[in-house]
Protein backbone atom coordinates (compact mmCIF):
# COMPACT_ATOMS: atom_id res chain seq x y z
CA MET A 1 73.56 98.89 264.74
CA THR A 2 72.38 99.63 261.23
CA GLU A 3 71.70 103.32 260.84
CA MET A 4 68.39 104.12 259.21
CA SER A 5 67.97 106.96 256.77
CA SER A 6 64.89 109.03 256.04
CA SER A 7 65.70 109.27 252.34
CA SER A 8 63.24 107.76 249.86
CA PRO A 9 63.92 104.24 248.58
CA SER A 10 65.12 103.69 245.06
CA GLY A 11 62.49 103.48 242.38
CA THR A 12 59.90 105.87 241.11
CA GLY A 13 59.71 107.79 244.39
CA VAL A 14 55.94 107.99 244.01
CA PRO A 15 54.06 106.87 247.14
CA GLY A 16 51.99 103.75 246.54
CA ARG A 17 53.91 102.61 243.46
CA ILE A 18 56.41 99.76 243.22
CA GLY A 19 59.37 98.96 241.01
CA ILE A 20 57.63 97.37 238.04
CA GLY A 21 55.17 100.24 237.76
CA LEU A 22 52.14 98.55 239.31
CA GLN A 23 49.92 100.43 241.72
CA MET A 24 49.92 99.04 245.25
CA ASP A 25 46.61 97.24 245.57
CA ALA A 26 44.73 94.90 247.90
CA ILE A 27 46.72 91.90 246.66
CA HIS A 28 50.03 93.49 247.65
CA MET A 29 48.61 94.34 251.08
CA LYS A 30 47.34 90.78 251.52
CA MET A 31 50.78 89.43 250.63
CA LEU A 32 52.37 91.68 253.25
CA GLU A 33 49.82 90.55 255.84
CA ILE A 34 50.65 86.89 255.19
CA LEU A 35 54.40 87.50 255.22
CA ARG A 36 54.00 89.24 258.58
CA GLU A 37 52.64 85.97 259.98
CA ASN A 38 55.22 83.73 258.29
CA ALA A 39 58.04 85.24 256.26
CA ARG A 40 59.31 81.74 255.34
CA ILE A 41 56.16 80.73 253.52
CA SER A 42 56.78 79.32 250.05
CA VAL A 43 55.78 81.35 247.03
CA ALA A 44 53.39 78.59 245.98
CA ALA A 45 51.63 78.68 249.36
CA LEU A 46 51.62 82.47 249.32
CA ALA A 47 50.00 82.50 245.89
CA GLU A 48 47.35 80.00 247.01
CA ARG A 49 46.42 82.02 250.08
CA VAL A 50 46.21 85.27 248.14
CA GLY A 51 44.33 83.68 245.26
CA ILE A 52 46.73 84.42 242.40
CA SER A 53 49.01 82.36 240.17
CA ARG A 54 52.48 81.41 241.35
CA ALA A 55 54.04 83.41 238.51
CA SER A 56 52.11 86.50 239.56
CA ALA A 57 53.17 85.97 243.17
CA TYR A 58 56.83 85.76 242.10
CA THR A 59 56.52 88.95 240.06
CA ARG A 60 54.77 90.89 242.80
CA LEU A 61 57.14 89.67 245.51
CA ASP A 62 60.23 90.58 243.47
CA ALA A 63 58.76 94.00 242.79
CA LEU A 64 58.09 94.64 246.47
CA ARG A 65 61.69 93.72 247.28
CA ALA A 66 63.22 95.65 244.38
CA ASP A 67 61.36 98.83 245.26
CA GLY A 68 62.26 98.63 248.96
CA VAL A 69 58.76 98.00 250.31
CA ILE A 70 60.17 94.76 251.73
CA LYS A 71 63.61 95.72 253.03
CA ARG A 72 64.82 92.36 254.29
CA PHE A 73 63.79 89.08 255.87
CA THR A 74 64.96 88.41 259.41
CA ALA A 75 64.30 86.25 262.48
CA GLU A 76 62.54 87.29 265.68
CA VAL A 77 64.40 86.16 268.80
CA ASP A 78 63.10 85.74 272.34
CA HIS A 79 65.48 88.10 274.12
CA VAL A 80 64.86 86.63 277.57
CA ARG A 81 65.71 83.10 276.44
CA ALA A 82 68.75 84.50 274.63
CA GLY A 83 70.03 85.86 277.96
CA LEU A 84 68.98 89.50 277.63
CA GLY A 85 66.20 89.82 280.18
CA ILE A 86 66.50 93.56 280.86
CA THR A 87 65.21 96.15 278.39
CA ALA A 88 65.77 99.86 278.98
CA LEU A 89 65.08 103.12 277.20
CA LEU A 90 67.88 105.68 277.36
CA PHE A 91 66.79 109.24 276.66
CA VAL A 92 69.77 111.31 275.56
CA THR A 93 70.37 115.04 275.25
CA VAL A 94 72.96 115.64 272.54
CA ARG A 95 75.28 118.61 272.13
CA GLN A 96 73.91 120.15 268.98
CA GLN A 97 77.30 120.70 267.31
CA MET A 98 78.28 117.03 267.72
CA TRP A 99 75.51 115.03 266.07
CA LYS A 100 77.90 113.38 263.61
CA GLN A 101 80.12 112.11 266.42
CA PHE A 102 77.09 110.89 268.37
CA ARG A 103 75.89 108.80 265.43
CA ALA A 104 79.36 107.37 264.85
CA GLN A 105 79.85 106.41 268.51
CA LEU A 106 76.38 104.88 268.75
CA ALA A 107 77.07 102.62 265.78
CA GLN A 108 79.94 101.08 267.78
CA MET A 109 77.61 99.95 270.60
CA PRO A 110 76.23 96.48 269.75
CA GLU A 111 73.88 96.56 272.77
CA VAL A 112 71.78 99.23 271.07
CA GLU A 113 68.75 97.65 269.41
CA TYR A 114 67.05 100.83 268.25
CA CYS A 115 67.67 104.57 268.21
CA ALA A 116 65.39 107.38 267.13
CA ILE A 117 65.80 111.15 267.03
CA THR A 118 62.88 112.68 268.91
CA THR A 119 61.24 115.97 269.72
CA GLY A 120 60.57 117.11 273.26
CA GLN A 121 62.80 117.31 276.31
CA HIS A 122 65.43 114.92 274.92
CA ASP A 123 67.03 114.60 271.50
CA ALA A 124 67.23 110.84 271.08
CA MET A 125 65.73 107.62 272.45
CA ILE A 126 67.89 104.50 272.59
CA GLN A 127 66.58 101.01 273.35
CA VAL A 128 69.05 98.50 274.76
CA ARG A 129 68.75 94.89 275.89
CA MET A 130 71.12 93.71 278.60
CA PRO A 131 71.56 90.66 280.86
CA ASP A 132 70.96 92.59 284.10
CA VAL A 133 70.49 96.03 285.66
CA ALA A 134 74.18 96.32 286.52
CA ALA A 135 75.06 96.00 282.85
CA VAL A 136 72.69 98.86 282.00
CA HIS A 137 74.27 100.99 284.72
CA THR A 138 77.75 100.30 283.37
CA LEU A 139 76.68 101.10 279.82
CA VAL A 140 75.18 104.44 280.83
CA THR A 141 77.81 105.64 283.31
CA GLU A 142 81.00 104.31 281.77
CA ARG A 143 80.33 104.30 278.06
CA LEU A 144 77.42 106.50 277.05
CA ALA A 145 78.24 109.28 279.51
CA ASN A 146 81.85 109.36 278.30
CA ILE A 147 80.84 110.23 274.76
CA PRO A 148 81.63 113.97 274.42
CA ALA A 149 78.53 114.50 272.29
CA VAL A 150 76.24 113.32 275.12
CA LYS A 151 75.17 116.14 277.41
CA ALA A 152 72.70 114.29 279.67
CA THR A 153 70.88 110.95 279.93
CA GLU A 154 67.76 109.56 281.56
CA THR A 155 67.18 105.83 281.97
CA VAL A 156 63.76 104.14 282.03
CA PHE A 157 63.43 100.38 282.57
CA ILE A 158 60.69 98.52 280.71
CA LEU A 159 58.69 96.30 283.06
CA ASP A 160 56.60 94.51 280.47
CA GLU A 161 56.34 94.65 276.68
CA VAL A 162 52.60 94.51 276.19
CA LEU A 163 52.46 94.60 272.39
CA ARG A 164 55.03 94.31 269.61
CA ARG A 165 54.20 93.90 265.93
CA PRO A 166 56.74 93.30 263.15
CA TYR A 167 55.09 96.11 261.19
CA VAL A 168 51.71 97.71 260.64
CA LEU A 169 49.87 98.28 257.37
CA PRO A 170 47.24 100.76 256.18
CA SER A 171 44.93 97.81 255.62
CA ASP A 172 44.97 96.99 259.36
CA ARG A 173 42.67 99.90 260.15
CA ARG A 174 40.06 98.70 257.67
CA GLN A 175 39.95 95.31 259.37
CA GLN A 176 38.83 96.64 262.74
CA PRO A 177 35.41 95.27 263.77
CA ARG A 178 32.64 97.80 263.45
CA GLN A 179 30.71 98.69 266.56
CA ASN A 180 26.93 98.58 266.46
CA PRO A 181 25.80 102.17 267.16
CA ARG A 182 22.35 100.97 268.23
CA LYS A 183 23.71 98.89 271.08
CA ALA A 184 25.16 100.97 273.85
CA PRO A 185 27.90 99.35 275.94
CA ALA A 186 26.71 97.96 279.24
CA PRO A 187 27.66 100.18 282.18
CA GLU A 188 30.37 98.89 284.41
CA GLN A 189 29.13 97.58 287.72
CA SER A 190 31.11 98.28 290.82
CA PRO A 191 32.11 95.16 292.72
CA ARG A 192 30.06 94.49 295.84
CA ARG A 193 31.83 95.29 299.09
CA PRO A 194 31.24 93.62 302.40
CA SER A 195 29.45 95.83 304.90
CA GLY A 196 31.60 97.87 307.23
CA ILE A 197 34.38 98.56 304.68
CA ASP A 198 35.24 102.17 303.96
CA PRO A 199 34.26 102.96 300.32
CA GLU A 200 37.36 105.17 300.08
CA GLY A 201 39.62 102.40 301.34
CA PRO A 202 41.75 99.88 299.49
CA SER A 203 38.72 97.80 298.47
CA THR A 204 37.88 100.36 295.74
CA ILE A 205 41.27 99.97 294.06
CA PRO A 206 41.07 97.72 290.95
CA LEU A 207 43.10 94.56 291.08
CA GLY A 208 46.61 95.09 289.77
CA LYS A 209 46.73 98.84 290.45
CA MET A 210 48.31 100.80 293.25
CA ARG A 211 47.05 103.78 295.20
CA PHE A 212 49.62 106.34 296.25
CA VAL A 213 48.94 108.52 299.28
CA GLY A 214 50.71 111.83 299.58
CA ALA A 215 52.70 112.62 302.70
CA ALA A 216 50.37 115.44 303.76
CA GLU A 217 47.32 113.22 303.35
CA GLY A 218 48.96 110.45 305.34
CA ARG A 219 49.84 112.77 308.21
CA ALA A 220 46.26 114.09 308.30
CA ASP A 221 44.94 110.53 308.61
CA MET A 222 47.32 109.87 311.49
CA HIS A 223 46.05 112.93 313.35
CA LYS A 224 42.46 111.72 312.87
CA ASP A 225 43.38 108.41 314.45
CA ASP A 226 44.97 110.19 317.45
CA ASP A 227 41.77 112.16 318.00
């Protein structure tokens, strides 16, 4: 795992400025948007899509890389097809005097895809990808729990990754479609139920959701049936 640092990248250190001294502008943002779609695009094609000369595209791209705005180019892999169909989040409570050891031990675990120091109940969140649930269990109980710096862990399995972007840009917010304030959204209509069905019954539960009934409520319903 490559450890990430919060220190500022090399260069001027001024937000919004890049290595050759040019102010980040709409052209730079457009280049980053296109590279997000296809990082292997040629400079000539990139220049054509942005609407600048190839020489200017070379200069701007080199500046973005030199200043650290673009850190590296990489490939995105389908983890399931690569044999890692289980993704889990491991929330870790760290002994506060042993942060250095925790970081060093974590760097020796190739299963770790991502780690972040967090606020809240736990100190760190680790994302791992494994071939099966048993492998996650082994990782947590036999390796992670044996690190002296780890005080406690909590494991959460990810059922479905709904959305994942390579990165987001400030320009993304400006591209959101504007809503017409004059046109109010149409009210949602409840689905029609056949007659004789209890409106509080399962028919009111939207498709794909579950309704949980507490134990006390369930016992009360049983007593009603007995009466």
